[in-house]
C-alpha atoms as a PDB file:
ATOM      1  CA  MET A   1      -0.094  -0.202   0.196  1.00  0.00           C
ATOM      2  CA  ASP A   2       1.428   3.657  -1.088  1.00  0.00           C
ATOM      3  CA  GLY A   3       2.796   4.930   2.182  1.00  0.00           C
ATOM      4  CA  SER A   4       0.772   8.047   2.258  1.00  0.00           C
ATOM      5  CA  ARG A   5      -2.596   6.185   2.343  1.00  0.00           C
ATOM      6  CA  LEU A   6      -0.907   4.283   5.007  1.00  0.00           C
ATOM      7  CA  GLU A   7      -0.325   7.147   6.793  1.00  0.00           C
ATOM      8  CA  ILE A   8      -4.133   8.275   6.152  1.00  0.00           C
ATOM      9  CA  LEU A   9      -5.509   5.152   7.843  1.00  0.00           C
ATOM     10  CA  ARG A  10      -3.073   4.841  10.832  1.00  0.00           C
ATOM     11  CA  ILE A  11      -4.033   9.111  11.432  1.00  0.00           C
ATOM     12  CA  ILE A  12      -7.832   7.872  11.363  1.00  0.00           C
ATOM     13  CA  ASN A  13      -7.570   5.213  13.130  1.00  0.00           C
ATOM     14  CA  GLU A  14      -6.275   7.269  15.590  1.00  0.00           C
ATOM     15  CA  ARG A  15      -8.691   9.993  15.583  1.00  0.00           C
ATOM     16  CA  ALA A  16     -11.837   8.824  14.549  1.00  0.00           C
ATOM     17  CA  ASN A  17     -13.965  10.931  12.431  1.00  0.00           C
ATOM     18  CA  SER A  18     -10.979  13.010  10.797  1.00  0.00           C
ATOM     19  CA  THR A  19     -12.037  15.631   8.217  1.00  0.00           C
ATOM     20  CA  VAL A  20      -9.355  16.300   5.222  1.00  0.00           C
ATOM     21  CA  ASN A  21      -8.077  19.452   7.073  1.00  0.00           C
ATOM     22  CA  ASP A  22      -7.233  17.541  10.428  1.00  0.00           C
ATOM     23  CA  ILE A  23      -5.418  14.435   7.533  1.00  0.00           C
ATOM     24  CA  ALA A  24      -3.927  17.240   5.867  1.00  0.00           C
ATOM     25  CA  GLN A  25      -2.288  19.772   8.875  1.00  0.00           C
ATOM     26  CA  ALA A  26      -1.167  16.315  10.528  1.00  0.00           C
ATOM     27  CA  LEU A  27       0.899  15.083   7.089  1.00  0.00           C
ATOM     28  CA  GLY A  28       1.449  18.617   6.001  1.00  0.00           C
ATOM     29  CA  LEU A  29      -0.356  18.015   2.479  1.00  0.00           C
ATOM     30  CA  ALA A  30      -2.858  19.870   0.077  1.00  0.00           C
ATOM     31  CA  PRO A  31      -6.165  18.916   1.451  1.00  0.00           C
ATOM     32  CA  ILE A  32      -6.532  18.023  -2.694  1.00  0.00           C
ATOM     33  CA  SER A  33      -3.912  15.408  -2.402  1.00  0.00           C
ATOM     34  CA  VAL A  34      -5.399  14.089   0.870  1.00  0.00           C
ATOM     35  CA  ARG A  35      -9.130  13.767  -1.010  1.00  0.00           C
ATOM     36  CA  TYR A  36      -7.061  11.938  -3.909  1.00  0.00           C
ATOM     37  CA  HIS A  37      -6.114   9.146  -1.368  1.00  0.00           C
ATOM     38  CA  LEU A  38      -9.282   9.064   0.498  1.00  0.00           C
ATOM     39  CA  ASN A  39     -11.335   8.680  -2.684  1.00  0.00           C
ATOM     40  CA  LEU A  40      -8.771   5.198  -3.328  1.00  0.00           C
ATOM     41  CA  LEU A  41      -9.042   4.101   0.445  1.00  0.00           C
ATOM     42  CA  GLU A  42     -13.083   4.647   0.378  1.00  0.00           C
ATOM     43  CA  ARG A  43     -12.991   2.516  -2.982  1.00  0.00           C
ATOM     44  CA  ASP A  44     -11.216   0.072  -1.338  1.00  0.00           C
ATOM     45  CA  GLY A  45     -13.654  -0.475   1.568  1.00  0.00           C
ATOM     46  CA  PHE A  46     -10.255   0.626   3.827  1.00  0.00           C
ATOM     47  CA  ILE A  47     -12.887   3.928   5.425  1.00  0.00           C
ATOM     48  CA  ASP A  48     -15.781   4.916   5.774  1.00  0.00           C
ATOM     49  CA  VAL A  49     -17.336   8.239   5.264  1.00  0.00           C
ATOM     50  CA  LYS A  50     -19.662  10.481   6.989  1.00  0.00           C
ATOM     51  CA  LYS A  51     -21.599  13.444   5.602  1.00  0.00           C
ATOM     52  CA  VAL A  52     -22.255  16.077   8.401  1.00  0.00           C
ATOM     53  CA  ARG A  53     -24.417  19.267   7.903  1.00  0.00           C
ATOM     54  CA  GLY A  54     -23.275  21.917  10.864  1.00  0.00           C
ATOM     55  CA  SER A  55     -25.815  24.736  11.143  1.00  0.00           C
ATOM     56  CA  VAL A  56     -24.320  27.138   9.000  1.00  0.00           C
ATOM     57  CA  GLY A  57     -21.580  26.356   6.290  1.00  0.00           C
ATOM     58  CA  ARG A  58     -20.781  24.153   3.573  1.00  0.00           C
ATOM     59  CA  PRO A  59     -21.627  20.074   4.757  1.00  0.00           C
ATOM     60  CA  PHE A  60     -17.984  18.310   4.874  1.00  0.00           C
ATOM     61  CA  ASN A  61     -17.231  14.385   5.697  1.00  0.00           C
ATOM     62  CA  THR A  62     -15.354  13.108   8.417  1.00  0.00           C
ATOM     63  CA  TYR A  63     -13.779   9.814   8.078  1.00  0.00           C
ATOM     64  CA  SER A  64     -13.703   6.674   9.999  1.00  0.00           C
ATOM     65  CA  ILE A  65     -11.650   3.068   9.488  1.00  0.00           C
ATOM     66  CA  THR A  66     -13.078  -0.283   8.948  1.00  0.00           C
ATOM     67  CA  LYS A  67     -12.405  -3.372   9.638  1.00  0.00           C
ATOM     68  CA  THR A  68     -10.518  -4.146   6.629  1.00  0.00           C
ATOM     69  CA  GLY A  69      -8.640  -1.089   7.234  1.00  0.00           C
ATOM     70  CA  ARG A  70      -7.714  -1.378  10.742  1.00  0.00           C
ATOM     71  CA  GLU A  71      -5.932  -4.950   9.085  1.00  0.00           C
ATOM     72  CA  GLN A  72      -3.942  -3.425   6.594  1.00  0.00           C
ATOM     73  CA  LEU A  73      -2.267  -1.526   9.223  1.00  0.00           C
ATOM     74  CA  PRO A  74       1.156  -2.744  10.195  1.00  0.00           C
ATOM     75  CA  HIS A  75       0.909  -5.334  13.600  1.00  0.00           C
ATOM     76  CA  SER A  76       3.600  -6.700  15.354  1.00  0.00           C
ATOM     77  CA  TYR A  77       1.235  -9.258  18.090  1.00  0.00           C
ATOM     78  CA  ASP A  78       3.869 -12.045  16.651  1.00  0.00           C
ATOM     79  CA  VAL A  79       6.425  -9.847  19.007  1.00  0.00           C
ATOM     80  CA  LEU A  80       3.745  -9.302  21.536  1.00  0.00           C
ATOM     81  CA  ALA A  81       3.072 -13.249  21.329  1.00  0.00           C
ATOM     82  CA  GLU A  82       6.765 -14.160  21.761  1.00  0.00           C
ATOM     83  CA  ARG A  83       7.083 -11.906  24.479  1.00  0.00           C
ATOM     84  CA  MET A  84       4.515 -12.755  26.742  1.00  0.00           C
ATOM     85  CA  LEU A  85       5.352 -16.788  25.695  1.00  0.00           C
ATOM     86  CA  ASP A  86       9.042 -15.802  27.417  1.00  0.00           C
ATOM     87  CA  GLN A  87       7.515 -14.324  30.454  1.00  0.00           C
ATOM     88  CA  VAL A  88       5.391 -17.480  30.803  1.00  0.00           C
ATOM     89  CA  LYS A  89       8.182 -19.515  30.536  1.00  0.00           C
ATOM     90  CA  GLN A  90       9.549 -17.630  33.475  1.00  0.00           C
ATOM     91  CA  PHE A  91       7.328 -17.703  35.754  1.00  0.00           C
ATOM     92  CA  ALA A  92       5.421 -20.929  35.134  1.00  0.00           C
ATOM     93  CA  THR A  93       6.922 -24.976  35.566  1.00  0.00           C
ATOM     94  CA  PRO A  94       6.826 -26.745  32.331  1.00  0.00           C
ATOM     95  CA  GLN A  95       4.157 -28.591  33.724  1.00  0.00           C
ATOM     96  CA  GLN A  96       1.855 -25.611  33.403  1.00  0.00           C
ATOM     97  CA  VAL A  97       3.252 -24.324  30.264  1.00  0.00           C
ATOM     98  CA  GLU A  98       2.303 -27.633  28.666  1.00  0.00           C
ATOM     99  CA  GLY A  99      -0.882 -27.621  30.736  1.00  0.00           C
ATOM    100  CA  MET A 100      -1.723 -24.140  29.592  1.00  0.00           C
ATOM    101  CA  PHE A 101      -0.876 -25.307  25.663  1.00  0.00           C
ATOM    102  CA  ARG A 102      -2.815 -28.328  26.247  1.00  0.00           C
ATOM    103  CA  ALA A 103      -5.960 -26.328  27.257  1.00  0.00           C
ATOM    104  CA  MET A 104      -5.920 -24.032  23.927  1.00  0.00           C
ATOM    105  CA  ALA A 105      -5.706 -27.226  21.943  1.00  0.00           C
ATOM    106  CA  GLU A 106      -8.366 -28.564  23.597  1.00  0.00           C
ATOM    107  CA  THR A 107     -10.581 -25.132  23.578  1.00  0.00           C
ATOM    108  CA  LEU A 108      -9.633 -24.748  19.286  1.00  0.00           C
ATOM    109  CA  THR A 109     -10.622 -28.307  19.266  1.00  0.00           C
ATOM    110  CA  ALA A 110     -13.808 -28.281  21.036  1.00  0.00           C
ATOM    111  CA  GLU A 111     -14.910 -24.909  18.757  1.00  0.00           C
ATOM    112  CA  ARG A 112     -14.186 -27.209  15.482  1.00  0.00           C
ATOM    113  CA  ALA A 113     -15.486 -30.325  16.187  1.00  0.00           C
ATOM    114  CA  GLN A 114     -19.340 -29.801  14.827  1.00  0.00           C
ATOM    115  CA  ARG A 115     -17.283 -29.043  11.634  1.00  0.00           C
ATOM    116  CA  LEU A 116     -15.036 -32.304  11.796  1.00  0.00           C
ATOM    117  CA  SER A 117     -17.698 -34.719  13.142  1.00  0.00           C
ATOM    118  CA  ASN A 118     -19.098 -36.278  10.113  1.00  0.00           C
ATOM    119  CA  ALA A 119     -15.955 -35.586   8.034  1.00  0.00           C
ATOM    120  CA  ASN A 120     -13.952 -37.888   6.331  1.00  0.00           C
ATOM    121  CA  ASP A 121      -9.915 -38.322   7.109  1.00  0.00           C
ATOM    122  CA  GLN A 122      -9.274 -36.133   3.650  1.00  0.00           C
ATOM    123  CA  GLN A 123     -12.028 -33.675   4.678  1.00  0.00           C
ATOM    124  CA  LYS A 124     -10.211 -33.307   8.322  1.00  0.00           C
ATOM    125  CA  ILE A 125      -6.800 -33.296   6.826  1.00  0.00           C
ATOM    126  CA  ASP A 126      -8.426 -30.538   4.598  1.00  0.00           C
ATOM    127  CA  THR A 127      -9.846 -28.533   7.075  1.00  0.00           C
ATOM    128  CA  LEU A 128      -6.558 -28.478   9.385  1.00  0.00           C
ATOM    129  CA  VAL A 129      -5.098 -27.307   6.975  1.00  0.00           C
ATOM    130  CA  GLU A 130      -7.692 -24.692   6.205  1.00  0.00           C
ATOM    131  CA  LEU A 131      -7.543 -23.766   9.990  1.00  0.00           C
ATOM    132  CA  LEU A 132      -3.647 -23.513   9.792  1.00  0.00           C
ATOM    133  CA  GLY A 133      -4.035 -21.199   6.523  1.00  0.00           C
ATOM    134  CA  ALA A 134      -6.510 -18.934   8.698  1.00  0.00           C
ATOM    135  CA  GLU A 135      -3.723 -18.475  11.226  1.00  0.00           C
ATOM    136  CA  GLY A 136      -1.104 -17.279   9.636  1.00  0.00           C
ATOM    137  CA  PHE A 137       0.796 -20.567   8.380  1.00  0.00           C
ATOM    138  CA  LEU A 138       1.373 -21.989   5.274  1.00  0.00           C
ATOM    139  CA  THR A 139       0.396 -25.157   5.382  1.00  0.00           C
ATOM    140  CA  ARG A 140      -0.217 -28.401   2.755  1.00  0.00           C
ATOM    141  CA  TRP A 141      -0.805 -32.195   3.126  1.00  0.00           C
ATOM    142  CA  GLU A 142       0.240 -35.294   0.943  1.00  0.00           C
ATOM    143  CA  LEU A 143      -0.518 -38.614   1.174  1.00  0.00           C
ATOM    144  CA  ALA A 144       2.580 -40.857   1.502  1.00  0.00           C
ATOM    145  CA  ASN A 145       2.883 -44.947   2.106  1.00  0.00           C
ATOM    146  CA  GLY A 146      -0.748 -44.266   3.085  1.00  0.00           C
ATOM    147  CA  ASP A 147      -0.463 -41.567   5.846  1.00  0.00           C
ATOM    148  CA  TYR A 148      -1.383 -37.637   5.666  1.00  0.00           C
ATOM    149  CA  VAL A 149       2.138 -35.816   5.921  1.00  0.00           C
ATOM    150  CA  LEU A 150       1.504 -32.203   6.576  1.00  0.00           C
ATOM    151  CA  LYS A 151       4.115 -29.968   5.527  1.00  0.00           C
ATOM    152  CA  GLU A 152       4.440 -26.065   6.396  1.00  0.00           C
ATOM    153  CA  TYR A 153       6.469 -23.906   4.273  1.00  0.00           C
END
């Protein structure tokens, strides 16, 4: 994504209901340049536009970020998760850490049990690959000597 549009998204995320002038001032850009980027962001579904009519003067637009727009912003969830896990390892026994992961696995399994209850083995492995993909893993499976082999890339 273009750097200016990413900065505009960041500003709108931090300051809901921003106006063109708010954004232009924050970025040091001309309002016409900001409008150009806002039109593209709206077209792509990253922002919502609301027309505001005051008691006097011309109506103006305010902008708010959508869920899709928020997903475009950089996140460091992996770094945060890694740091949290390091802290858990420092303060918990190995048995407690293992118990925590076992509980997480049981929760995930229970959430998806209904989807898998009537599935055959191939459907189950296809579902597993799909679920792992949704979690950010690049995986696929292959059949080797009658066994399903899951590969991560």
